[in-house]
PDB file of N, CA and C in Angstrom:
ATOM      1  N   UNK A   1      -6.006 -28.869   2.662  1.00  0.00           N
ATOM      2  CA  UNK A   1      -5.756 -27.558   3.241  1.00  0.00           C
ATOM      3  C   UNK A   1      -5.900 -26.484   2.156  1.00  0.00           C
ATOM      4  N   UNK A   2      -6.417 -25.357   2.516  1.00  0.00           N
ATOM      5  CA  UNK A   2      -6.678 -24.275   1.571  1.00  0.00           C
ATOM      6  C   UNK A   2      -5.385 -23.586   1.147  1.00  0.00           C
ATOM      7  N   UNK A   3      -5.318 -23.230  -0.115  1.00  0.00           N
ATOM      8  CA  UNK A   3      -4.162 -22.504  -0.628  1.00  0.00           C
ATOM      9  C   UNK A   3      -4.139 -21.085  -0.078  1.00  0.00           C
ATOM     10  N   UNK A   4      -2.936 -20.548   0.018  1.00  0.00           N
ATOM     11  CA  UNK A   4      -2.743 -19.169   0.465  1.00  0.00           C
ATOM     12  C   UNK A   4      -1.711 -18.519  -0.445  1.00  0.00           C
ATOM     13  N   UNK A   5      -1.697 -17.200  -0.427  1.00  0.00           N
ATOM     14  CA  UNK A   5      -0.850 -16.457  -1.357  1.00  0.00           C
ATOM     15  C   UNK A   5      -0.203 -15.251  -0.685  1.00  0.00           C
ATOM     16  N   UNK A   6       0.973 -14.885  -1.190  1.00  0.00           N
ATOM     17  CA  UNK A   6       1.514 -13.543  -0.953  1.00  0.00           C
ATOM     18  C   UNK A   6       1.424 -12.848  -2.305  1.00  0.00           C
ATOM     19  N   UNK A   7       1.280 -11.535  -2.279  1.00  0.00           N
ATOM     20  CA  UNK A   7       1.178 -10.792  -3.528  1.00  0.00           C
ATOM     21  C   UNK A   7       1.841  -9.439  -3.363  1.00  0.00           C
ATOM     22  N   UNK A   8       2.277  -8.895  -4.486  1.00  0.00           N
ATOM     23  CA  UNK A   8       2.888  -7.568  -4.493  1.00  0.00           C
ATOM     24  C   UNK A   8       2.118  -6.695  -5.476  1.00  0.00           C
ATOM     25  N   UNK A   9       1.641  -5.574  -4.965  1.00  0.00           N
ATOM     26  CA  UNK A   9       0.927  -4.584  -5.775  1.00  0.00           C
ATOM     27  C   UNK A   9       1.795  -3.348  -5.965  1.00  0.00           C
ATOM     28  N   UNK A  10       1.508  -2.608  -7.019  1.00  0.00           N
ATOM     29  CA  UNK A  10       2.149  -1.319  -7.240  1.00  0.00           C
ATOM     30  C   UNK A  10       1.136  -0.375  -7.883  1.00  0.00           C
ATOM     31  N   UNK A  11       1.572   0.853  -8.121  1.00  0.00           N
ATOM     32  CA  UNK A  11       0.709   1.823  -8.799  1.00  0.00           C
ATOM     33  C   UNK A  11       1.072   1.865 -10.283  1.00  0.00           C
ATOM     34  N   UNK A  12       0.388   2.676 -11.044  1.00  0.00           N
ATOM     35  CA  UNK A  12       0.622   2.747 -12.494  1.00  0.00           C
ATOM     36  C   UNK A  12       2.055   3.154 -12.826  1.00  0.00           C
ATOM     37  N   UNK A  13       2.640   4.005 -12.020  1.00  0.00           N
ATOM     38  CA  UNK A  13       4.012   4.470 -12.256  1.00  0.00           C
ATOM     39  C   UNK A  13       5.054   3.495 -11.731  1.00  0.00           C
ATOM     40  N   UNK A  14       4.593   2.462 -11.013  1.00  0.00           N
ATOM     41  CA  UNK A  14       5.472   1.437 -10.413  1.00  0.00           C
ATOM     42  C   UNK A  14       6.434   2.073  -9.405  1.00  0.00           C
ATOM     43  N   UNK A  15       5.941   3.055  -8.663  1.00  0.00           N
ATOM     44  CA  UNK A  15       6.774   3.806  -7.728  1.00  0.00           C
ATOM     45  C   UNK A  15       6.709   3.273  -6.301  1.00  0.00           C
ATOM     46  N   UNK A  16       5.624   2.598  -5.944  1.00  0.00           N
ATOM     47  CA  UNK A  16       5.412   2.130  -4.573  1.00  0.00           C
ATOM     48  C   UNK A  16       5.056   0.650  -4.631  1.00  0.00           C
ATOM     49  N   UNK A  17       5.559  -0.119  -3.648  1.00  0.00           N
ATOM     50  CA  UNK A  17       5.234  -1.544  -3.558  1.00  0.00           C
ATOM     51  C   UNK A  17       4.466  -1.830  -2.281  1.00  0.00           C
ATOM     52  N   UNK A  18       3.553  -2.779  -2.361  1.00  0.00           N
ATOM     53  CA  UNK A  18       2.789  -3.246  -1.201  1.00  0.00           C
ATOM     54  C   UNK A  18       2.793  -4.766  -1.229  1.00  0.00           C
ATOM     55  N   UNK A  19       3.123  -5.386  -0.101  1.00  0.00           N
ATOM     56  CA  UNK A  19       3.125  -6.844   0.012  1.00  0.00           C
ATOM     57  C   UNK A  19       2.001  -7.252   0.945  1.00  0.00           C
ATOM     58  N   UNK A  20       1.175  -8.178   0.485  1.00  0.00           N
ATOM     59  CA  UNK A  20       0.055  -8.661   1.287  1.00  0.00           C
ATOM     60  C   UNK A  20      -0.029 -10.174   1.268  1.00  0.00           C
ATOM     61  N   UNK A  21      -0.918 -10.705   2.098  1.00  0.00           N
ATOM     62  CA  UNK A  21      -1.151 -12.148   2.182  1.00  0.00           C
ATOM     63  C   UNK A  21      -2.658 -12.376   2.172  1.00  0.00           C
ATOM     64  N   UNK A  22      -3.097 -13.469   1.547  1.00  0.00           N
ATOM     65  CA  UNK A  22      -4.528 -13.742   1.444  1.00  0.00           C
ATOM     66  C   UNK A  22      -4.770 -15.221   1.175  1.00  0.00           C
ATOM     67  N   UNK A  23      -5.975 -15.668   1.458  1.00  0.00           N
ATOM     68  CA  UNK A  23      -6.394 -17.029   1.114  1.00  0.00           C
ATOM     69  C   UNK A  23      -7.120 -17.052  -0.228  1.00  0.00           C
ATOM     70  N   UNK A  24      -7.529 -15.892  -0.727  1.00  0.00           N
ATOM     71  CA  UNK A  24      -8.240 -15.809  -2.007  1.00  0.00           C
ATOM     72  C   UNK A  24      -7.644 -14.661  -2.824  1.00  0.00           C
ATOM     73  N   UNK A  25      -6.673 -14.998  -3.649  1.00  0.00           N
ATOM     74  CA  UNK A  25      -5.922 -13.980  -4.384  1.00  0.00           C
ATOM     75  C   UNK A  25      -6.815 -13.145  -5.299  1.00  0.00           C
ATOM     76  N   UNK A  26      -7.660 -13.797  -6.066  1.00  0.00           N
ATOM     77  CA  UNK A  26      -8.518 -13.071  -7.004  1.00  0.00           C
ATOM     78  C   UNK A  26      -9.414 -12.072  -6.265  1.00  0.00           C
ATOM     79  N   UNK A  27     -10.075 -12.542  -5.224  1.00  0.00           N
ATOM     80  CA  UNK A  27     -10.997 -11.682  -4.468  1.00  0.00           C
ATOM     81  C   UNK A  27     -10.258 -10.508  -3.826  1.00  0.00           C
ATOM     82  N   UNK A  28      -9.095 -10.789  -3.233  1.00  0.00           N
ATOM     83  CA  UNK A  28      -8.366  -9.731  -2.527  1.00  0.00           C
ATOM     84  C   UNK A  28      -7.860  -8.664  -3.494  1.00  0.00           C
ATOM     85  N   UNK A  29      -7.301  -9.084  -4.611  1.00  0.00           N
ATOM     86  CA  UNK A  29      -6.803  -8.102  -5.576  1.00  0.00           C
ATOM     87  C   UNK A  29      -7.970  -7.318  -6.179  1.00  0.00           C
ATOM     88  N   UNK A  30      -9.091  -7.987  -6.422  1.00  0.00           N
ATOM     89  CA  UNK A  30     -10.283  -7.291  -6.920  1.00  0.00           C
ATOM     90  C   UNK A  30     -10.731  -6.228  -5.917  1.00  0.00           C
ATOM     91  N   UNK A  31     -10.631  -6.530  -4.627  1.00  0.00           N
ATOM     92  CA  UNK A  31     -10.974  -5.536  -3.596  1.00  0.00           C
ATOM     93  C   UNK A  31     -10.054  -4.327  -3.690  1.00  0.00           C
ATOM     94  N   UNK A  32      -8.746  -4.569  -3.836  1.00  0.00           N
ATOM     95  CA  UNK A  32      -7.799  -3.461  -3.980  1.00  0.00           C
ATOM     96  C   UNK A  32      -8.141  -2.628  -5.214  1.00  0.00           C
ATOM     97  N   UNK A  33      -8.428  -3.283  -6.316  1.00  0.00           N
ATOM     98  CA  UNK A  33      -8.722  -2.580  -7.566  1.00  0.00           C
ATOM     99  C   UNK A  33      -9.991  -1.733  -7.471  1.00  0.00           C
ATOM    100  N   UNK A  34     -10.937  -2.174  -6.657  1.00  0.00           N
ATOM    101  CA  UNK A  34     -12.195  -1.429  -6.516  1.00  0.00           C
ATOM    102  C   UNK A  34     -12.133  -0.384  -5.397  1.00  0.00           C
ATOM    103  N   UNK A  35     -10.957  -0.244  -4.767  1.00  0.00           N
ATOM    104  CA  UNK A  35     -10.797   0.758  -3.718  1.00  0.00           C
ATOM    105  C   UNK A  35     -11.183   0.281  -2.332  1.00  0.00           C
ATOM    106  N   UNK A  36     -11.416  -1.014  -2.180  1.00  0.00           N
ATOM    107  CA  UNK A  36     -11.791  -1.555  -0.871  1.00  0.00           C
ATOM    108  C   UNK A  36     -10.627  -2.261  -0.187  1.00  0.00           C
ATOM    109  N   UNK A  37      -9.409  -2.000  -0.622  1.00  0.00           N
ATOM    110  CA  UNK A  37      -8.234  -2.622  -0.030  1.00  0.00           C
ATOM    111  C   UNK A  37      -7.802  -1.898   1.229  1.00  0.00           C
ATOM    112  N   UNK A  38      -6.592  -2.190   1.643  1.00  0.00           N
ATOM    113  CA  UNK A  38      -6.018  -1.562   2.830  1.00  0.00           C
ATOM    114  C   UNK A  38      -5.880  -0.051   2.620  1.00  0.00           C
ATOM    115  N   UNK A  39      -5.849   0.686   3.716  1.00  0.00           N
ATOM    116  CA  UNK A  39      -5.713   2.150   3.635  1.00  0.00           C
ATOM    117  C   UNK A  39      -4.471   2.560   2.854  1.00  0.00           C
ATOM    118  N   UNK A  40      -3.368   1.831   3.088  1.00  0.00           N
ATOM    119  CA  UNK A  40      -2.116   2.143   2.396  1.00  0.00           C
ATOM    120  C   UNK A  40      -2.286   2.013   0.889  1.00  0.00           C
ATOM    121  N   UNK A  41      -2.945   0.950   0.444  1.00  0.00           N
ATOM    122  CA  UNK A  41      -3.117   0.740  -0.998  1.00  0.00           C
ATOM    123  C   UNK A  41      -4.062   1.770  -1.600  1.00  0.00           C
ATOM    124  N   UNK A  42      -5.035   2.207  -0.830  1.00  0.00           N
ATOM    125  CA  UNK A  42      -5.939   3.258  -1.308  1.00  0.00           C
ATOM    126  C   UNK A  42      -5.199   4.583  -1.441  1.00  0.00           C
ATOM    127  N   UNK A  43      -4.398   4.899  -0.422  1.00  0.00           N
ATOM    128  CA  UNK A  43      -3.670   6.168  -0.397  1.00  0.00           C
ATOM    129  C   UNK A  43      -2.740   6.320  -1.603  1.00  0.00           C
ATOM    130  N   UNK A  44      -2.065   5.222  -1.968  1.00  0.00           N
ATOM    131  CA  UNK A  44      -1.083   5.275  -3.051  1.00  0.00           C
ATOM    132  C   UNK A  44      -1.600   4.681  -4.366  1.00  0.00           C
ATOM    133  N   UNK A  45      -2.906   4.385  -4.429  1.00  0.00           N
ATOM    134  CA  UNK A  45      -3.541   3.874  -5.647  1.00  0.00           C
ATOM    135  C   UNK A  45      -2.846   2.617  -6.175  1.00  0.00           C
ATOM    136  N   UNK A  46      -2.614   1.673  -5.272  1.00  0.00           N
ATOM    137  CA  UNK A  46      -1.900   0.443  -5.620  1.00  0.00           C
ATOM    138  C   UNK A  46      -2.893  -0.601  -6.116  1.00  0.00           C
ATOM    139  N   UNK A  47      -2.988  -0.733  -7.429  1.00  0.00           N
ATOM    140  CA  UNK A  47      -3.986  -1.610  -8.042  1.00  0.00           C
ATOM    141  C   UNK A  47      -3.396  -2.572  -9.065  1.00  0.00           C
ATOM    142  N   UNK A  48      -2.080  -2.553  -9.257  1.00  0.00           N
ATOM    143  CA  UNK A  48      -1.438  -3.384 -10.271  1.00  0.00           C
ATOM    144  C   UNK A  48      -0.767  -4.581  -9.595  1.00  0.00           C
ATOM    145  N   UNK A  49      -1.228  -5.781  -9.919  1.00  0.00           N
ATOM    146  CA  UNK A  49      -0.645  -7.011  -9.372  1.00  0.00           C
ATOM    147  C   UNK A  49       0.606  -7.350 -10.174  1.00  0.00           C
ATOM    148  N   UNK A  50       1.775  -7.202  -9.531  1.00  0.00           N
ATOM    149  CA  UNK A  50       3.039  -7.446 -10.219  1.00  0.00           C
ATOM    150  C   UNK A  50       3.608  -8.829  -9.951  1.00  0.00           C
ATOM    151  N   UNK A  51       3.232  -9.435  -8.821  1.00  0.00           N
ATOM    152  CA  UNK A  51       3.883 -10.688  -8.418  1.00  0.00           C
ATOM    153  C   UNK A  51       3.007 -11.405  -7.410  1.00  0.00           C
ATOM    154  N   UNK A  52       3.053 -12.742  -7.421  1.00  0.00           N
ATOM    155  CA  UNK A  52       2.404 -13.524  -6.376  1.00  0.00           C
ATOM    156  C   UNK A  52       3.056 -14.888  -6.271  1.00  0.00           C
ATOM    157  N   UNK A  53       2.927 -15.498  -5.105  1.00  0.00           N
ATOM    158  CA  UNK A  53       3.390 -16.860  -4.847  1.00  0.00           C
ATOM    159  C   UNK A  53       2.265 -17.609  -4.154  1.00  0.00           C
ATOM    160  N   UNK A  54       2.169 -18.901  -4.428  1.00  0.00           N
ATOM    161  CA  UNK A  54       1.136 -19.746  -3.824  1.00  0.00           C
ATOM    162  C   UNK A  54       1.766 -20.671  -2.785  1.00  0.00           C
ATOM    163  N   UNK A  55       1.038 -20.895  -1.677  1.00  0.00           N
ATOM    164  CA  UNK A  55       1.497 -21.762  -0.595  1.00  0.00           C
ATOM    165  C   UNK A  55       0.388 -22.721  -0.197  1.00  0.00           C
ATOM    166  N   UNK A  56       0.777 -23.815   0.436  1.00  0.00           N
ATOM    167  CA  UNK A  56      -0.219 -24.806   0.854  1.00  0.00           C
ATOM    168  C   UNK A  56      -0.814 -24.483   2.218  1.00  0.00           C
ATOM    169  N   UNK A  57      -0.234 -23.509   2.921  1.00  0.00           N
ATOM    170  CA  UNK A  57      -0.803 -23.119   4.220  1.00  0.00           C
ATOM    171  C   UNK A  57      -0.646 -21.619   4.437  1.00  0.00           C
ATOM    172  N   UNK A  58      -1.531 -21.063   5.232  1.00  0.00           N
ATOM    173  CA  UNK A  58      -1.473 -19.634   5.545  1.00  0.00           C
ATOM    174  C   UNK A  58      -0.220 -19.315   6.355  1.00  0.00           C
ATOM    175  N   UNK A  59       0.224 -20.257   7.191  1.00  0.00           N
ATOM    176  CA  UNK A  59       1.436 -20.034   7.983  1.00  0.00           C
ATOM    177  C   UNK A  59       2.657 -19.838   7.086  1.00  0.00           C
ATOM    178  N   UNK A  60       2.757 -20.636   6.029  1.00  0.00           N
ATOM    179  CA  UNK A  60       3.865 -20.486   5.082  1.00  0.00           C
ATOM    180  C   UNK A  60       3.789 -19.134   4.379  1.00  0.00           C
ATOM    181  N   UNK A  61       2.599 -18.743   3.985  1.00  0.00           N
ATOM    182  CA  UNK A  61       2.418 -17.466   3.290  1.00  0.00           C
ATOM    183  C   UNK A  61       2.777 -16.294   4.200  1.00  0.00           C
ATOM    184  N   UNK A  62       2.353 -16.355   5.448  1.00  0.00           N
ATOM    185  CA  UNK A  62       2.661 -15.281   6.400  1.00  0.00           C
ATOM    186  C   UNK A  62       4.163 -15.189   6.638  1.00  0.00           C
ATOM    187  N   UNK A  63       4.826 -16.335   6.752  1.00  0.00           N
ATOM    188  CA  UNK A  63       6.281 -16.340   6.949  1.00  0.00           C
ATOM    189  C   UNK A  63       6.986 -15.700   5.755  1.00  0.00           C
ATOM    190  N   UNK A  64       6.539 -16.023   4.557  1.00  0.00           N
ATOM    191  CA  UNK A  64       7.139 -15.454   3.349  1.00  0.00           C
ATOM    192  C   UNK A  64       6.857 -13.949   3.259  1.00  0.00           C
ATOM    193  N   UNK A  65       5.650 -13.540   3.623  1.00  0.00           N
ATOM    194  CA  UNK A  65       5.307 -12.116   3.634  1.00  0.00           C
ATOM    195  C   UNK A  65       6.254 -11.358   4.564  1.00  0.00           C
ATOM    196  N   UNK A  66       6.465 -11.884   5.755  1.00  0.00           N
ATOM    197  CA  UNK A  66       7.367 -11.228   6.714  1.00  0.00           C
ATOM    198  C   UNK A  66       8.780 -11.148   6.155  1.00  0.00           C
ATOM    199  N   UNK A  67       9.224 -12.244   5.514  1.00  0.00           N
ATOM    200  CA  UNK A  67      10.558 -12.264   4.927  1.00  0.00           C
ATOM    201  C   UNK A  67      10.693 -11.171   3.864  1.00  0.00           C
ATOM    202  N   UNK A  68       9.736 -11.112   2.951  1.00  0.00           N
ATOM    203  CA  UNK A  68       9.806 -10.128   1.865  1.00  0.00           C
ATOM    204  C   UNK A  68       9.708  -8.696   2.370  1.00  0.00           C
ATOM    205  N   UNK A  69       8.923  -8.477   3.403  1.00  0.00           N
ATOM    206  CA  UNK A  69       8.796  -7.121   3.947  1.00  0.00           C
ATOM    207  C   UNK A  69      10.104  -6.629   4.558  1.00  0.00           C
ATOM    208  N   UNK A  70      10.992  -7.562   4.916  1.00  0.00           N
ATOM    209  CA  UNK A  70      12.297  -7.194   5.465  1.00  0.00           C
ATOM    210  C   UNK A  70      13.371  -7.048   4.395  1.00  0.00           C
ATOM    211  N   UNK A  71      13.056  -7.372   3.179  1.00  0.00           N
ATOM    212  CA  UNK A  71      14.013  -7.253   2.081  1.00  0.00           C
ATOM    213  C   UNK A  71      14.202  -5.795   1.687  1.00  0.00           C
ATOM    214  N   UNK A  72      15.380  -5.522   1.114  1.00  0.00           N
ATOM    215  CA  UNK A  72      15.634  -4.211   0.520  1.00  0.00           C
ATOM    216  C   UNK A  72      14.747  -4.045  -0.710  1.00  0.00           C
ATOM    217  N   UNK A  73      14.426  -2.828  -1.013  1.00  0.00           N
ATOM    218  CA  UNK A  73      13.570  -2.529  -2.172  1.00  0.00           C
ATOM    219  C   UNK A  73      14.133  -3.135  -3.471  1.00  0.00           C
ATOM    220  N   UNK A  74      15.429  -3.013  -3.665  1.00  0.00           N
ATOM    221  CA  UNK A  74      16.071  -3.547  -4.873  1.00  0.00           C
ATOM    222  C   UNK A  74      15.870  -5.063  -4.986  1.00  0.00           C
ATOM    223  N   UNK A  75      15.966  -5.778  -3.872  1.00  0.00           N
ATOM    224  CA  UNK A  75      15.767  -7.235  -3.887  1.00  0.00           C
ATOM    225  C   UNK A  75      14.343  -7.570  -4.319  1.00  0.00           C
ATOM    226  N   UNK A  76      13.382  -6.782  -3.832  1.00  0.00           N
ATOM    227  CA  UNK A  76      11.979  -7.013  -4.205  1.00  0.00           C
ATOM    228  C   UNK A  76      11.788  -6.807  -5.703  1.00  0.00           C
ATOM    229  N   UNK A  77      12.363  -5.745  -6.238  1.00  0.00           N
ATOM    230  CA  UNK A  77      12.243  -5.476  -7.670  1.00  0.00           C
ATOM    231  C   UNK A  77      12.906  -6.575  -8.488  1.00  0.00           C
ATOM    232  N   UNK A  78      14.053  -7.070  -8.029  1.00  0.00           N
ATOM    233  CA  UNK A  78      14.718  -8.162  -8.742  1.00  0.00           C
ATOM    234  C   UNK A  78      13.850  -9.413  -8.760  1.00  0.00           C
ATOM    235  N   UNK A  79      13.197  -9.715  -7.652  1.00  0.00           N
ATOM    236  CA  UNK A  79      12.296 -10.868  -7.576  1.00  0.00           C
ATOM    237  C   UNK A  79      11.138 -10.701  -8.557  1.00  0.00           C
ATOM    238  N   UNK A  80      10.537  -9.536  -8.555  1.00  0.00           N
ATOM    239  CA  UNK A  80       9.410  -9.262  -9.456  1.00  0.00           C
ATOM    240  C   UNK A  80       9.842  -9.403 -10.912  1.00  0.00           C
ATOM    241  N   UNK A  81      10.954  -8.769 -11.263  1.00  0.00           N
ATOM    242  CA  UNK A  81      11.408  -8.745 -12.657  1.00  0.00           C
ATOM    243  C   UNK A  81      11.851 -10.117 -13.156  1.00  0.00           C
ATOM    244  N   UNK A  82      12.237 -10.992 -12.232  1.00  0.00           N
ATOM    245  CA  UNK A  82      12.635 -12.342 -12.622  1.00  0.00           C
ATOM    246  C   UNK A  82      11.460 -13.090 -13.263  1.00  0.00           C
ATOM    247  N   UNK A  83      10.255 -12.874 -12.753  1.00  0.00           N
ATOM    248  CA  UNK A  83       9.076 -13.568 -13.259  1.00  0.00           C
ATOM    249  C   UNK A  83       8.136 -12.677 -14.072  1.00  0.00           C
ATOM    250  N   UNK A  84       8.325 -11.369 -13.975  1.00  0.00           N
ATOM    251  CA  UNK A  84       7.434 -10.434 -14.671  1.00  0.00           C
ATOM    252  C   UNK A  84       8.274  -9.270 -15.203  1.00  0.00           C
ATOM    253  N   UNK A  85       9.142  -9.572 -16.161  1.00  0.00           N
ATOM    254  CA  UNK A  85      10.109  -8.581 -16.648  1.00  0.00           C
ATOM    255  C   UNK A  85       9.452  -7.356 -17.283  1.00  0.00           C
ATOM    256  N   UNK A  86       8.250  -7.517 -17.805  1.00  0.00           N
ATOM    257  CA  UNK A  86       7.549  -6.388 -18.424  1.00  0.00           C
ATOM    258  C   UNK A  86       6.735  -5.583 -17.418  1.00  0.00           C
ATOM    259  N   UNK A  87       6.707  -6.026 -16.179  1.00  0.00           N
ATOM    260  CA  UNK A  87       5.963  -5.371 -15.100  1.00  0.00           C
ATOM    261  C   UNK A  87       4.493  -5.178 -15.466  1.00  0.00           C
ATOM    262  N   UNK A  88       3.919  -6.183 -16.114  1.00  0.00           N
ATOM    263  CA  UNK A  88       2.509  -6.103 -16.505  1.00  0.00           C
ATOM    264  C   UNK A  88       1.609  -6.494 -15.338  1.00  0.00           C
ATOM    265  N   UNK A  89       0.380  -6.077 -15.414  1.00  0.00           N
ATOM    266  CA  UNK A  89      -0.609  -6.421 -14.395  1.00  0.00           C
ATOM    267  C   UNK A  89      -0.996  -7.887 -14.587  1.00  0.00           C
ATOM    268  N   UNK A  90      -0.745  -8.711 -13.580  1.00  0.00           N
ATOM    269  CA  UNK A  90      -1.000 -10.149 -13.658  1.00  0.00           C
ATOM    270  C   UNK A  90      -2.431 -10.528 -13.289  1.00  0.00           C
ATOM    271  N   UNK A  91      -3.259  -9.558 -12.957  1.00  0.00           N
ATOM    272  CA  UNK A  91      -4.618  -9.855 -12.501  1.00  0.00           C
ATOM    273  C   UNK A  91      -5.398 -10.670 -13.530  1.00  0.00           C
ATOM    274  N   UNK A  92      -5.225 -10.360 -14.792  1.00  0.00           N
ATOM    275  CA  UNK A  92      -5.955 -11.083 -15.836  1.00  0.00           C
ATOM    276  C   UNK A  92      -5.505 -12.537 -15.959  1.00  0.00           C
ATOM    277  N   UNK A  93      -4.332 -12.861 -15.410  1.00  0.00           N
ATOM    278  CA  UNK A  93      -3.804 -14.226 -15.479  1.00  0.00           C
ATOM    279  C   UNK A  93      -4.340 -15.136 -14.382  1.00  0.00           C
ATOM    280  N   UNK A  94      -5.025 -14.571 -13.403  1.00  0.00           N
ATOM    281  CA  UNK A  94      -5.559 -15.393 -12.312  1.00  0.00           C
ATOM    282  C   UNK A  94      -7.064 -15.537 -12.481  1.00  0.00           C
ATOM    283  N   UNK A  95      -7.598 -16.600 -11.913  1.00  0.00           N
ATOM    284  CA  UNK A  95      -9.040 -16.855 -12.025  1.00  0.00           C
ATOM    285  C   UNK A  95      -9.648 -16.983 -10.642  1.00  0.00           C
ATOM    286  N   UNK A  96     -10.903 -16.611 -10.510  1.00  0.00           N
ATOM    287  CA  UNK A  96     -11.572 -16.752  -9.203  1.00  0.00           C
ATOM    288  C   UNK A  96     -11.792 -18.221  -8.874  1.00  0.00           C
ATOM    289  N   UNK A  97     -11.829 -18.533  -7.580  1.00  0.00           N
ATOM    290  CA  UNK A  97     -12.110 -19.916  -7.139  1.00  0.00           C
ATOM    291  C   UNK A  97     -13.601 -20.050  -6.943  1.00  0.00           C
TER     292      UNK A  97
END
């Protein structure tokens, strides 16, 4: 079964968060970075990959995306900072399939 991912993007100022789901993390984040992402990410210039999780099925990823979208903003930031305390762009850490 193909891997799936949830990911969290932000802008340079780290002021806005966007949670998405995809089957190809590298390709999807590259689309956001080139301005071909969702309208919301284009509007707020969300191009910094702060966090991601990998799943064995798209159903699991979608369930996690829904869960995170219902979280308070502070909870999301705590999750991000637990694994990415420097809030660096993780895009360089992932590789295309």
